[in-house]
Amino acid sequence: MSQIAIIGAGAWGTAISIVLGRKQRHQVRLWAYEKEVREAIVASRVNELFLPGHKIPECVQVTASLAEAVAGADMVVSAMPSQHCGRLFEQMLPLLKAETLIVSATKGLEQTTLLRMTEVIEFKTKAQNKNAFIGALSGPSFAAEVARGDPTAITIASRHSELAATVQREFSDMAFRVYTNDDVVGVELGGALKNTIAIAAGVCDGLGLGHNSIAGLITRGLAEMTRLATACGGRAQTMSGLAGLGDLVLTCTGGLSRNRTVGVELGRGRKLPEIIAGMHGMVAEGVYTTDAAVQLARQHGVEMPITEQMHAILSHGKSPRDAIHDLMTRSGKSEVHLTGG
């Protein structure tokens, strides 16, 4: 039996604990920051705050202690919000075995450094003179549907084939299919950038626009995601896969998407601080990723018009209607031109 630590008991971290726990061959420890989450799991085996209605297997132990969570762990799954990743890994790394595998399941970019999550983790490991096998888990996966046992397909990306093979073997079951990939850059950027496009899709819905608008947005959103991913060293093929197109379609069209929900409310005229306050601790990663994505695109000379307009809405209070107008009245482009939007 392997020991697996899951760091972060939000909806996604909890869903992963259910996937691993239902196999009944792992010892799973779930680190939860929120006291009410820990108390609810102990009392009812349900994370009432972030994933109500879904039982957590008895083999999953919840803890408030990082040291207890990672003690003896063969694998650490990072499911915390992106902006906490660096700080928590600074605390965890001295506690890990040298051979512990690290899997990032967070879809975001660090605002201050523009780093992907595996880059943040790698930077922290090198700062502590450690080596680590690191991978990124991503793909179209609403936590509630994963917890319910709906068939789900995701991908694990790593430069280390042994890590990818281990995650594929240990996570896969009849309802959770894991593919492998060695394009960490493409997989991580796909998972992060699609959140911004999902906010834009929500804006369209909130404005009362129809299917034509959403279809165009998804298609051109994928084009600009691909431009940035390839400029950063990822592969265009990856952006047509689960962590790119698959996750993009899900978050742009699915009612369970927090990022899309933020966009819907923005389109209806609500202000961002009010929307975030009403999310009761849940995180819409796209709010943070958008600013980082704009900066990253400018560094690489990549045009990302949808992302730029979402940045104007989120950071500068631009009217959603004005943003849509400016997107639609830009100068004419060729659809197959690779560098322009």
C-alpha atoms as a PDB file:
ATOM      1  CA  MET A   1       0.000   0.000   0.000  1.00  0.00           C
ATOM      2  CA  SER A   2       1.416   3.398  -0.977  1.00  0.00           C
ATOM      3  CA  GLN A   3       1.182   6.512   1.162  1.00  0.00           C
ATOM      4  CA  ILE A   4      -0.194   9.562  -0.642  1.00  0.00           C
ATOM      5  CA  ALA A   5      -0.522  13.071   0.805  1.00  0.00           C
ATOM      6  CA  ILE A   6      -2.991  15.503  -0.729  1.00  0.00           C
ATOM      7  CA  ILE A   7      -2.250  19.105   0.191  1.00  0.00           C
ATOM      8  CA  GLY A   8      -5.407  21.173  -0.081  1.00  0.00           C
ATOM      9  CA  ALA A   9      -8.950  20.093   0.767  1.00  0.00           C
ATOM     10  CA  GLY A  10     -10.890  22.282  -1.620  1.00  0.00           C
ATOM     11  CA  ALA A  11     -13.286  20.646  -4.043  1.00  0.00           C
ATOM     12  CA  TRP A  12     -10.550  19.261  -6.309  1.00  0.00           C
ATOM     13  CA  GLY A  13      -8.252  18.004  -3.568  1.00  0.00           C
ATOM     14  CA  THR A  14     -11.222  16.315  -1.905  1.00  0.00           C
ATOM     15  CA  ALA A  15     -12.317  14.726  -5.184  1.00  0.00           C
ATOM     16  CA  ILE A  16      -8.813  13.334  -5.724  1.00  0.00           C
ATOM     17  CA  SER A  17      -8.903  11.866  -2.215  1.00  0.00           C
ATOM     18  CA  ILE A  18     -12.161  10.108  -3.126  1.00  0.00           C
ATOM     19  CA  VAL A  19     -10.656   8.702  -6.337  1.00  0.00           C
ATOM     20  CA  LEU A  20      -7.616   7.370  -4.501  1.00  0.00           C
ATOM     21  CA  GLY A  21      -9.576   6.238  -1.474  1.00  0.00           C
ATOM     22  CA  ARG A  22     -12.117   4.175  -3.368  1.00  0.00           C
ATOM     23  CA  LYS A  23      -9.340   1.887  -4.621  1.00  0.00           C
ATOM     24  CA  GLN A  24      -8.758   0.781  -1.007  1.00  0.00           C
ATOM     25  CA  ARG A  25      -5.059   0.186  -1.578  1.00  0.00           C
ATOM     26  CA  HIS A  26      -3.600   3.536  -0.555  1.00  0.00           C
ATOM     27  CA  GLN A  27      -3.102   5.250   2.744  1.00  0.00           C
ATOM     28  CA  VAL A  28      -4.309   8.763   1.942  1.00  0.00           C
ATOM     29  CA  ARG A  29      -3.790  11.809   4.140  1.00  0.00           C
ATOM     30  CA  LEU A  30      -5.709  14.974   3.266  1.00  0.00           C
ATOM     31  CA  TRP A  31      -4.316  18.244   4.608  1.00  0.00           C
ATOM     32  CA  ALA A  32      -7.115  20.760   5.209  1.00  0.00           C
ATOM     33  CA  TYR A  33      -6.445  24.353   6.198  1.00  0.00           C
ATOM     34  CA  GLU A  34     -10.036  25.115   7.251  1.00  0.00           C
ATOM     35  CA  LYS A  35     -11.084  23.874  10.681  1.00  0.00           C
ATOM     36  CA  GLU A  36     -14.701  23.476   9.587  1.00  0.00           C
ATOM     37  CA  VAL A  37     -13.625  21.196   6.739  1.00  0.00           C
ATOM     38  CA  ARG A  38     -11.671  18.944   9.092  1.00  0.00           C
ATOM     39  CA  GLU A  39     -14.499  18.800  11.612  1.00  0.00           C
ATOM     40  CA  ALA A  40     -17.087  17.995   8.941  1.00  0.00           C
ATOM     41  CA  ILE A  41     -14.996  15.167   7.484  1.00  0.00           C
ATOM     42  CA  VAL A  42     -14.386  13.648  10.901  1.00  0.00           C
ATOM     43  CA  ALA A  43     -18.076  13.916  11.817  1.00  0.00           C
ATOM     44  CA  SER A  44     -19.762  12.875   8.566  1.00  0.00           C
ATOM     45  CA  ARG A  45     -17.017  11.920   6.047  1.00  0.00           C
ATOM     46  CA  VAL A  46     -18.226  14.810   3.849  1.00  0.00           C
ATOM     47  CA  ASN A  47     -16.508  18.111   2.994  1.00  0.00           C
ATOM     48  CA  GLU A  48     -19.647  20.178   3.465  1.00  0.00           C
ATOM     49  CA  LEU A  49     -17.912  23.465   2.671  1.00  0.00           C
ATOM     50  CA  PHE A  50     -16.343  22.658  -0.696  1.00  0.00           C
ATOM     51  CA  LEU A  51     -17.774  19.336  -1.926  1.00  0.00           C
ATOM     52  CA  PRO A  52     -21.101  18.616  -0.200  1.00  0.00           C
ATOM     53  CA  GLY A  53     -22.977  15.406  -0.883  1.00  0.00           C
ATOM     54  CA  HIS A  54     -19.971  13.177  -1.579  1.00  0.00           C
ATOM     55  CA  LYS A  55     -18.690  10.642   0.942  1.00  0.00           C
ATOM     56  CA  ILE A  56     -14.958  10.452   1.545  1.00  0.00           C
ATOM     57  CA  PRO A  57     -13.671   6.881   2.038  1.00  0.00           C
ATOM     58  CA  GLU A  58     -12.687   5.848   5.544  1.00  0.00           C
ATOM     59  CA  CYS A  59      -9.086   5.223   4.461  1.00  0.00           C
ATOM     60  CA  VAL A  60      -8.650   8.973   3.891  1.00  0.00           C
ATOM     61  CA  GLN A  61      -7.337  10.648   7.039  1.00  0.00           C
ATOM     62  CA  VAL A  62      -7.786  14.404   7.407  1.00  0.00           C
ATOM     63  CA  THR A  63      -5.194  16.450   9.273  1.00  0.00           C
ATOM     64  CA  ALA A  64      -4.283  20.031  10.128  1.00  0.00           C
ATOM     65  CA  SER A  65      -0.563  19.217  10.253  1.00  0.00           C
ATOM     66  CA  LEU A  66       1.598  19.428   7.152  1.00  0.00           C
ATOM     67  CA  ALA A  67       4.214  17.311   8.887  1.00  0.00           C
ATOM     68  CA  GLU A  68       1.685  14.591   9.639  1.00  0.00           C
ATOM     69  CA  ALA A  69       0.283  14.744   6.116  1.00  0.00           C
ATOM     70  CA  VAL A  70       3.594  14.216   4.337  1.00  0.00           C
ATOM     71  CA  ALA A  71       5.348  11.948   6.842  1.00  0.00           C
ATOM     72  CA  GLY A  72       6.602   8.913   4.931  1.00  0.00           C
ATOM     73  CA  ALA A  73       4.645   9.899   1.810  1.00  0.00           C
ATOM     74  CA  ASP A  74       5.548   8.146  -1.435  1.00  0.00           C
ATOM     75  CA  MET A  75       3.661  10.815  -3.353  1.00  0.00           C
ATOM     76  CA  VAL A  76       2.503  14.365  -2.617  1.00  0.00           C
ATOM     77  CA  VAL A  77      -0.405  15.766  -4.623  1.00  0.00           C
ATOM     78  CA  SER A  78      -0.507  19.556  -4.549  1.00  0.00           C
ATOM     79  CA  ALA A  79      -4.093  20.831  -4.797  1.00  0.00           C
ATOM     80  CA  MET A  80      -3.803  24.192  -3.057  1.00  0.00           C
ATOM     81  CA  PRO A  81      -4.591  27.571  -4.696  1.00  0.00           C
ATOM     82  CA  SER A  82      -1.730  28.674  -6.936  1.00  0.00           C
ATOM     83  CA  GLN A  83      -0.754  31.720  -4.875  1.00  0.00           C
ATOM     84  CA  HIS A  84      -0.018  29.517  -1.814  1.00  0.00           C
ATOM     85  CA  CYS A  85       2.098  26.928  -3.637  1.00  0.00           C
ATOM     86  CA  GLY A  86       5.539  28.416  -3.038  1.00  0.00           C
ATOM     87  CA  ARG A  87       4.988  29.110   0.652  1.00  0.00           C
ATOM     88  CA  LEU A  88       3.616  25.666   1.416  1.00  0.00           C
ATOM     89  CA  PHE A  89       6.364  23.839  -0.447  1.00  0.00           C
ATOM     90  CA  GLU A  90       8.990  25.799   1.451  1.00  0.00           C
ATOM     91  CA  GLN A  91       7.483  24.278   4.593  1.00  0.00           C
ATOM     92  CA  MET A  92       7.003  20.778   3.179  1.00  0.00           C
ATOM     93  CA  LEU A  93      10.225  20.052   1.330  1.00  0.00           C
ATOM     94  CA  PRO A  94      12.419  19.512   4.406  1.00  0.00           C
ATOM     95  CA  LEU A  95       9.881  16.909   5.563  1.00  0.00           C
ATOM     96  CA  LEU A  96       9.805  14.822   2.374  1.00  0.00           C
ATOM     97  CA  LYS A  97      11.732  11.663   1.571  1.00  0.00           C
ATOM     98  CA  ALA A  98      14.303  12.059  -1.194  1.00  0.00           C
ATOM     99  CA  GLU A  99      12.345   9.736  -3.478  1.00  0.00           C
ATOM    100  CA  THR A 100       8.892  11.288  -2.913  1.00  0.00           C
ATOM    101  CA  LEU A 101       7.025  11.971  -6.163  1.00  0.00           C
ATOM    102  CA  ILE A 102       5.353  15.397  -6.458  1.00  0.00           C
ATOM    103  CA  VAL A 103       2.208  15.915  -8.553  1.00  0.00           C
ATOM    104  CA  SER A 104       0.790  19.396  -9.088  1.00  0.00           C
ATOM    105  CA  ALA A 105      -2.980  19.391  -9.592  1.00  0.00           C
ATOM    106  CA  THR A 106      -3.286  23.197  -9.458  1.00  0.00           C
ATOM    107  CA  LYS A 107      -4.246  25.061 -12.639  1.00  0.00           C
ATOM    108  CA  GLY A 108      -2.717  28.498 -12.379  1.00  0.00           C
ATOM    109  CA  LEU A 109       0.292  30.786 -12.660  1.00  0.00           C
ATOM    110  CA  GLU A 110       2.086  32.510  -9.796  1.00  0.00           C
ATOM    111  CA  GLN A 111       1.317  36.212 -10.089  1.00  0.00           C
ATOM    112  CA  THR A 112       4.606  37.580  -8.808  1.00  0.00           C
ATOM    113  CA  THR A 113       6.910  35.372 -10.887  1.00  0.00           C
ATOM    114  CA  LEU A 114       4.675  34.240 -13.800  1.00  0.00           C
ATOM    115  CA  LEU A 115       5.886  30.697 -13.104  1.00  0.00           C
ATOM    116  CA  ARG A 116       3.865  27.547 -13.727  1.00  0.00           C
ATOM    117  CA  MET A 117       3.245  25.444 -10.635  1.00  0.00           C
ATOM    118  CA  THR A 118       5.857  22.787 -11.462  1.00  0.00           C
ATOM    119  CA  GLU A 119       8.349  25.622 -11.988  1.00  0.00           C
ATOM    120  CA  VAL A 120       7.469  27.070  -8.581  1.00  0.00           C
ATOM    121  CA  ILE A 121       7.993  23.662  -6.964  1.00  0.00           C
ATOM    122  CA  GLU A 122      11.222  23.043  -8.857  1.00  0.00           C
ATOM    123  CA  PHE A 123      12.555  26.467  -7.850  1.00  0.00           C
ATOM    124  CA  LYS A 124      11.834  25.710  -4.195  1.00  0.00           C
ATOM    125  CA  THR A 125      13.472  22.263  -4.388  1.00  0.00           C
ATOM    126  CA  LYS A 126      16.653  23.698  -5.905  1.00  0.00           C
ATOM    127  CA  ALA A 127      16.732  26.452  -3.274  1.00  0.00           C
ATOM    128  CA  GLN A 128      16.832  23.693  -0.657  1.00  0.00           C
ATOM    129  CA  ASN A 129      19.442  21.669  -2.600  1.00  0.00           C
ATOM    130  CA  LYS A 130      16.995  18.886  -3.309  1.00  0.00           C
ATOM    131  CA  ASN A 131      16.082  16.932  -6.405  1.00  0.00           C
ATOM    132  CA  ALA A 132      12.518  15.909  -7.124  1.00  0.00           C
ATOM    133  CA  PHE A 133      10.432  14.073  -9.677  1.00  0.00           C
ATOM    134  CA  ILE A 134       7.598  16.477 -10.530  1.00  0.00           C
ATOM    135  CA  GLY A 135       4.519  16.166 -12.742  1.00  0.00           C
ATOM    136  CA  ALA A 136       1.368  18.107 -13.611  1.00  0.00           C
ATOM    137  CA  LEU A 137      -2.134  16.621 -13.530  1.00  0.00           C
ATOM    138  CA  SER A 138      -4.678  18.405 -15.693  1.00  0.00           C
ATOM    139  CA  GLY A 139      -7.676  17.944 -17.949  1.00  0.00           C
ATOM    140  CA  PRO A 140     -11.471  18.386 -18.055  1.00  0.00           C
ATOM    141  CA  SER A 141     -12.579  17.460 -14.561  1.00  0.00           C
ATOM    142  CA  PHE A 142     -15.289  19.076 -12.469  1.00  0.00           C
ATOM    143  CA  ALA A 143     -14.655  17.901  -8.924  1.00  0.00           C
ATOM    144  CA  ALA A 144     -18.289  17.024  -8.178  1.00  0.00           C
ATOM    145  CA  GLU A 145     -18.543  14.790 -11.248  1.00  0.00           C
ATOM    146  CA  VAL A 146     -15.247  13.072 -10.444  1.00  0.00           C
ATOM    147  CA  ALA A 147     -16.438  12.446  -6.887  1.00  0.00           C
ATOM    148  CA  ARG A 148     -19.746  11.085  -8.194  1.00  0.00           C
ATOM    149  CA  GLY A 149     -17.903   8.579 -10.343  1.00  0.00           C
ATOM    150  CA  ASP A 150     -18.769   9.994 -13.761  1.00  0.00           C
ATOM    151  CA  PRO A 151     -16.308   8.741 -16.424  1.00  0.00           C
ATOM    152  CA  THR A 152     -13.457  11.259 -16.570  1.00  0.00           C
ATOM    153  CA  ALA A 153     -10.264  11.425 -18.643  1.00  0.00           C
ATOM    154  CA  ILE A 154      -7.274  13.562 -17.658  1.00  0.00           C
ATOM    155  CA  THR A 155      -3.544  13.632 -18.330  1.00  0.00           C
ATOM    156  CA  ILE A 156      -0.369  13.490 -16.255  1.00  0.00           C
ATOM    157  CA  ALA A 157       2.587  15.353 -17.740  1.00  0.00           C
ATOM    158  CA  SER A 158       6.159  14.867 -16.599  1.00  0.00           C
ATOM    159  CA  ARG A 159       9.679  14.752 -17.975  1.00  0.00           C
ATOM    160  CA  HIS A 160      10.094  11.638 -15.834  1.00  0.00           C
ATOM    161  CA  SER A 161       8.384   8.698 -17.469  1.00  0.00           C
ATOM    162  CA  GLU A 162       8.480   6.727 -14.215  1.00  0.00           C
ATOM    163  CA  LEU A 163       6.405   9.348 -12.427  1.00  0.00           C
ATOM    164  CA  ALA A 164       3.870   9.517 -15.260  1.00  0.00           C
ATOM    165  CA  ALA A 165       3.553   5.733 -15.329  1.00  0.00           C
ATOM    166  CA  THR A 166       3.133   5.587 -11.543  1.00  0.00           C
ATOM    167  CA  VAL A 167       0.390   8.218 -11.494  1.00  0.00           C
ATOM    168  CA  GLN A 168      -1.374   6.524 -14.396  1.00  0.00           C
ATOM    169  CA  ARG A 169      -1.326   3.211 -12.564  1.00  0.00           C
ATOM    170  CA  GLU A 170      -2.224   4.469  -9.085  1.00  0.00           C
ATOM    171  CA  PHE A 171      -4.975   6.925 -10.083  1.00  0.00           C
ATOM    172  CA  SER A 172      -6.739   5.048 -12.895  1.00  0.00           C
ATOM    173  CA  ASP A 173      -9.901   3.032 -12.296  1.00  0.00           C
ATOM    174  CA  MET A 174     -13.178   2.277 -14.088  1.00  0.00           C
ATOM    175  CA  ALA A 175     -14.324   5.901 -13.781  1.00  0.00           C
ATOM    176  CA  PHE A 176     -11.015   7.791 -13.890  1.00  0.00           C
ATOM    177  CA  ARG A 177      -8.787   7.318 -16.930  1.00  0.00           C
ATOM    178  CA  VAL A 178      -5.309   8.860 -16.905  1.00  0.00           C
ATOM    179  CA  TYR A 179      -3.261   9.465 -20.052  1.00  0.00           C
ATOM    180  CA  THR A 180       0.449  10.331 -20.043  1.00  0.00           C
ATOM    181  CA  ASN A 181       2.249  13.210 -21.742  1.00  0.00           C
ATOM    182  CA  ASP A 182       5.779  14.612 -21.607  1.00  0.00           C
ATOM    183  CA  ASP A 183       4.784  18.189 -22.549  1.00  0.00           C
ATOM    184  CA  VAL A 184       4.662  19.746 -19.089  1.00  0.00           C
ATOM    185  CA  VAL A 185       4.666  23.300 -20.476  1.00  0.00           C
ATOM    186  CA  GLY A 186       1.695  22.703 -22.763  1.00  0.00           C
ATOM    187  CA  VAL A 187      -0.334  20.773 -20.196  1.00  0.00           C
ATOM    188  CA  GLU A 188       0.162  23.347 -17.458  1.00  0.00           C
ATOM    189  CA  LEU A 189      -0.435  26.386 -19.644  1.00  0.00           C
ATOM    190  CA  GLY A 190      -3.522  24.785 -21.150  1.00  0.00           C
ATOM    191  CA  GLY A 191      -4.951  24.193 -17.683  1.00  0.00           C
ATOM    192  CA  ALA A 192      -4.161  27.730 -16.559  1.00  0.00           C
ATOM    193  CA  LEU A 193      -5.028  29.813 -19.622  1.00  0.00           C
ATOM    194  CA  LYS A 194      -8.403  28.185 -20.269  1.00  0.00           C
ATOM    195  CA  ASN A 195      -9.664  29.754 -17.031  1.00  0.00           C
ATOM    196  CA  THR A 196      -9.348  33.230 -18.510  1.00  0.00           C
ATOM    197  CA  ILE A 197     -11.248  32.195 -21.638  1.00  0.00           C
ATOM    198  CA  ALA A 198     -13.907  30.631 -19.397  1.00  0.00           C
ATOM    199  CA  ILE A 199     -14.403  33.996 -17.678  1.00  0.00           C
ATOM    200  CA  ALA A 200     -14.876  35.529 -21.131  1.00  0.00           C
ATOM    201  CA  ALA A 201     -17.418  32.835 -22.008  1.00  0.00           C
ATOM    202  CA  GLY A 202     -19.294  33.645 -18.832  1.00  0.00           C
ATOM    203  CA  VAL A 203     -19.273  37.330 -19.714  1.00  0.00           C
ATOM    204  CA  CYS A 204     -20.924  36.494 -23.036  1.00  0.00           C
ATOM    205  CA  ASP A 205     -23.590  34.490 -21.240  1.00  0.00           C
ATOM    206  CA  GLY A 206     -24.135  37.221 -18.672  1.00  0.00           C
ATOM    207  CA  LEU A 207     -24.626  39.722 -21.479  1.00  0.00           C
ATOM    208  CA  GLY A 208     -27.278  37.468 -23.006  1.00  0.00           C
ATOM    209  CA  LEU A 209     -25.256  36.565 -26.087  1.00  0.00           C
ATOM    210  CA  GLY A 210     -25.926  33.301 -27.884  1.00  0.00           C
ATOM    211  CA  HIS A 211     -24.185  30.165 -29.090  1.00  0.00           C
ATOM    212  CA  ASN A 212     -22.470  31.895 -32.016  1.00  0.00           C
ATOM    213  CA  SER A 213     -20.561  34.115 -29.614  1.00  0.00           C
ATOM    214  CA  ILE A 214     -19.463  31.242 -27.353  1.00  0.00           C
ATOM    215  CA  ALA A 215     -18.355  29.073 -30.285  1.00  0.00           C
ATOM    216  CA  GLY A 216     -16.268  31.879 -31.735  1.00  0.00           C
ATOM    217  CA  LEU A 217     -14.807  32.688 -28.346  1.00  0.00           C
ATOM    218  CA  ILE A 218     -13.763  29.088 -27.642  1.00  0.00           C
ATOM    219  CA  THR A 219     -12.164  28.722 -31.064  1.00  0.00           C
ATOM    220  CA  ARG A 220     -10.239  31.981 -30.982  1.00  0.00           C
ATOM    221  CA  GLY A 221      -9.451  31.445 -27.302  1.00  0.00           C
ATOM    222  CA  LEU A 222      -7.806  28.145 -28.156  1.00  0.00           C
ATOM    223  CA  ALA A 223      -5.805  29.909 -30.878  1.00  0.00           C
ATOM    224  CA  GLU A 224      -4.338  32.437 -28.475  1.00  0.00           C
ATOM    225  CA  MET A 225      -3.709  29.800 -25.807  1.00  0.00           C
ATOM    226  CA  THR A 226      -1.794  27.802 -28.408  1.00  0.00           C
ATOM    227  CA  ARG A 227       0.259  30.819 -29.462  1.00  0.00           C
ATOM    228  CA  LEU A 228       1.466  31.457 -25.923  1.00  0.00           C
ATOM    229  CA  ALA A 229       2.014  27.790 -25.087  1.00  0.00           C
ATOM    230  CA  THR A 230       4.181  27.215 -28.155  1.00  0.00           C
ATOM    231  CA  ALA A 231       6.094  30.464 -27.562  1.00  0.00           C
ATOM    232  CA  CYS A 232       6.914  29.134 -24.071  1.00  0.00           C
ATOM    233  CA  GLY A 233       8.115  25.788 -25.428  1.00  0.00           C
ATOM    234  CA  GLY A 234       4.930  23.714 -25.388  1.00  0.00           C
ATOM    235  CA  ARG A 235       3.526  21.744 -28.304  1.00  0.00           C
ATOM    236  CA  ALA A 236       0.528  22.821 -30.381  1.00  0.00           C
ATOM    237  CA  GLN A 237      -0.670  19.190 -30.396  1.00  0.00           C
ATOM    238  CA  THR A 238      -1.059  19.278 -26.613  1.00  0.00           C
ATOM    239  CA  MET A 239      -3.468  22.183 -26.910  1.00  0.00           C
ATOM    240  CA  SER A 240      -5.781  19.990 -28.978  1.00  0.00           C
ATOM    241  CA  GLY A 241      -5.843  17.399 -26.195  1.00  0.00           C
ATOM    242  CA  LEU A 242      -7.429  16.938 -22.789  1.00  0.00           C
ATOM    243  CA  ALA A 243      -5.504  19.700 -21.007  1.00  0.00           C
ATOM    244  CA  GLY A 244      -6.159  22.174 -23.817  1.00  0.00           C
ATOM    245  CA  LEU A 245      -9.322  21.881 -25.882  1.00  0.00           C
ATOM    246  CA  GLY A 246     -10.932  19.365 -23.529  1.00  0.00           C
ATOM    247  CA  ASP A 247     -10.614  21.533 -20.428  1.00  0.00           C
ATOM    248  CA  LEU A 248     -11.420  24.683 -22.399  1.00  0.00           C
ATOM    249  CA  VAL A 249     -14.752  23.334 -23.658  1.00  0.00           C
ATOM    250  CA  LEU A 250     -15.668  22.089 -20.192  1.00  0.00           C
ATOM    251  CA  THR A 251     -14.968  25.335 -18.362  1.00  0.00           C
ATOM    252  CA  CYS A 252     -16.502  27.549 -21.044  1.00  0.00           C
ATOM    253  CA  THR A 253     -19.784  25.639 -21.218  1.00  0.00           C
ATOM    254  CA  GLY A 254     -20.249  23.828 -17.892  1.00  0.00           C
ATOM    255  CA  GLY A 255     -22.413  25.302 -15.171  1.00  0.00           C
ATOM    256  CA  LEU A 256     -20.048  24.016 -12.447  1.00  0.00           C
ATOM    257  CA  SER A 257     -17.157  26.210 -13.631  1.00  0.00           C
ATOM    258  CA  ARG A 258     -16.269  28.840 -11.036  1.00  0.00           C
ATOM    259  CA  ASN A 259     -14.400  30.880 -13.641  1.00  0.00           C
ATOM    260  CA  ARG A 260     -17.351  30.902 -16.004  1.00  0.00           C
ATOM    261  CA  THR A 261     -19.608  31.867 -13.093  1.00  0.00           C
ATOM    262  CA  VAL A 262     -17.409  34.880 -12.328  1.00  0.00           C
ATOM    263  CA  GLY A 263     -17.758  35.948 -15.959  1.00  0.00           C
ATOM    264  CA  VAL A 264     -21.545  35.509 -15.927  1.00  0.00           C
ATOM    265  CA  GLU A 265     -21.849  37.803 -12.933  1.00  0.00           C
ATOM    266  CA  LEU A 266     -19.504  40.367 -14.479  1.00  0.00           C
ATOM    267  CA  GLY A 267     -21.643  40.333 -17.621  1.00  0.00           C
ATOM    268  CA  ARG A 268     -24.717  40.966 -15.486  1.00  0.00           C
ATOM    269  CA  GLY A 269     -23.100  44.071 -14.073  1.00  0.00           C
ATOM    270  CA  ARG A 270     -21.798  42.927 -10.689  1.00  0.00           C
ATOM    271  CA  LYS A 271     -18.380  44.079  -9.491  1.00  0.00           C
ATOM    272  CA  LEU A 272     -15.509  41.654  -9.002  1.00  0.00           C
ATOM    273  CA  PRO A 273     -14.971  42.187  -5.236  1.00  0.00           C
ATOM    274  CA  GLU A 274     -18.657  41.493  -4.615  1.00  0.00           C
ATOM    275  CA  ILE A 275     -18.535  38.336  -6.742  1.00  0.00           C
ATOM    276  CA  ILE A 276     -15.432  36.991  -4.982  1.00  0.00           C
ATOM    277  CA  ALA A 277     -16.912  37.744  -1.561  1.00  0.00           C
ATOM    278  CA  GLY A 278     -19.916  35.610  -2.465  1.00  0.00           C
ATOM    279  CA  MET A 279     -17.806  32.573  -3.369  1.00  0.00           C
ATOM    280  CA  HIS A 280     -17.356  31.592   0.298  1.00  0.00           C
ATOM    281  CA  GLY A 281     -13.659  30.781   0.112  1.00  0.00           C
ATOM    282  CA  MET A 282     -13.701  29.042  -3.254  1.00  0.00           C
ATOM    283  CA  VAL A 283     -11.074  30.243  -5.722  1.00  0.00           C
ATOM    284  CA  ALA A 284     -11.564  31.126  -9.391  1.00  0.00           C
ATOM    285  CA  GLU A 285      -7.959  30.741 -10.572  1.00  0.00           C
ATOM    286  CA  GLY A 286      -8.622  32.697 -13.769  1.00  0.00           C
ATOM    287  CA  VAL A 287      -8.887  35.937 -11.795  1.00  0.00           C
ATOM    288  CA  TYR A 288      -5.227  35.570 -10.784  1.00  0.00           C
ATOM    289  CA  THR A 289      -4.018  33.865 -13.958  1.00  0.00           C
ATOM    290  CA  THR A 290      -5.266  36.605 -16.297  1.00  0.00           C
ATOM    291  CA  ASP A 291      -2.823  39.232 -15.063  1.00  0.00           C
ATOM    292  CA  ALA A 292       0.079  36.773 -15.170  1.00  0.00           C
ATOM    293  CA  ALA A 293      -0.926  35.577 -18.651  1.00  0.00           C
ATOM    294  CA  VAL A 294      -0.967  39.132 -20.000  1.00  0.00           C
ATOM    295  CA  GLN A 295       2.511  39.773 -18.624  1.00  0.00           C
ATOM    296  CA  LEU A 296       3.809  36.454 -19.964  1.00  0.00           C
ATOM    297  CA  ALA A 297       2.351  37.162 -23.416  1.00  0.00           C
ATOM    298  CA  ARG A 298       4.015  40.570 -23.529  1.00  0.00           C
ATOM    299  CA  GLN A 299       7.350  39.020 -22.540  1.00  0.00           C
ATOM    300  CA  HIS A 300       7.107  36.627 -25.484  1.00  0.00           C
ATOM    301  CA  GLY A 301       5.618  39.128 -27.953  1.00  0.00           C
ATOM    302  CA  VAL A 302       2.413  37.098 -28.310  1.00  0.00           C
ATOM    303  CA  GLU A 303      -0.923  38.715 -29.120  1.00  0.00           C
ATOM    304  CA  MET A 304      -3.784  37.566 -26.859  1.00  0.00           C
ATOM    305  CA  PRO A 305      -6.739  39.875 -27.483  1.00  0.00           C
ATOM    306  CA  ILE A 306      -9.346  37.964 -25.461  1.00  0.00           C
ATOM    307  CA  THR A 307      -7.022  37.703 -22.482  1.00  0.00           C
ATOM    308  CA  GLU A 308      -6.156  41.406 -22.779  1.00  0.00           C
ATOM    309  CA  GLN A 309      -9.831  42.366 -22.691  1.00  0.00           C
ATOM    310  CA  MET A 310     -10.505  40.142 -19.684  1.00  0.00           C
ATOM    311  CA  HIS A 311      -7.562  41.791 -17.961  1.00  0.00           C
ATOM    312  CA  ALA A 312      -9.086  45.189 -18.690  1.00  0.00           C
ATOM    313  CA  ILE A 313     -12.381  44.055 -17.143  1.00  0.00           C
ATOM    314  CA  LEU A 314     -10.877  42.336 -14.095  1.00  0.00           C
ATOM    315  CA  SER A 315      -8.094  44.791 -13.274  1.00  0.00           C
ATOM    316  CA  HIS A 316      -9.315  48.102 -14.644  1.00  0.00           C
ATOM    317  CA  GLY A 317     -13.104  47.901 -14.410  1.00  0.00           C
ATOM    318  CA  LYS A 318     -13.749  48.050 -18.135  1.00  0.00           C
ATOM    319  CA  SER A 319     -17.345  47.532 -19.188  1.00  0.00           C
ATOM    320  CA  PRO A 320     -17.928  43.983 -20.520  1.00  0.00           C
ATOM    321  CA  ARG A 321     -19.939  45.404 -23.426  1.00  0.00           C
ATOM    322  CA  ASP A 322     -17.082  47.731 -24.322  1.00  0.00           C
ATOM    323  CA  ALA A 323     -14.656  44.792 -24.170  1.00  0.00           C
ATOM    324  CA  ILE A 324     -16.789  42.723 -26.572  1.00  0.00           C
ATOM    325  CA  HIS A 325     -17.134  45.728 -28.874  1.00  0.00           C
ATOM    326  CA  ASP A 326     -13.377  46.244 -28.950  1.00  0.00           C
ATOM    327  CA  LEU A 327     -12.777  42.561 -29.734  1.00  0.00           C
ATOM    328  CA  MET A 328     -15.232  42.618 -32.616  1.00  0.00           C
ATOM    329  CA  THR A 329     -13.981  45.868 -34.175  1.00  0.00           C
ATOM    330  CA  ARG A 330     -10.283  45.036 -34.261  1.00  0.00           C
ATOM    331  CA  SER A 331      -8.536  45.135 -37.641  1.00  0.00           C
ATOM    332  CA  GLY A 332      -9.121  42.144 -39.911  1.00  0.00           C
ATOM    333  CA  LYS A 333      -6.956  39.051 -39.436  1.00  0.00           C
ATOM    334  CA  SER A 334      -6.241  35.784 -41.219  1.00  0.00           C
ATOM    335  CA  GLU A 335      -7.569  32.804 -39.285  1.00  0.00           C
ATOM    336  CA  VAL A 336      -4.453  30.751 -40.047  1.00  0.00           C
ATOM    337  CA  HIS A 337      -1.933  33.471 -39.169  1.00  0.00           C
ATOM    338  CA  LEU A 338      -0.011  31.989 -36.238  1.00  0.00           C
ATOM    339  CA  THR A 339       1.161  35.118 -34.475  1.00  0.00           C
ATOM    340  CA  GLY A 340      -1.900  37.359 -34.489  1.00  0.00           C
ATOM    341  CA  GLY A 341      -5.364  37.117 -32.922  1.00  0.00           C
END
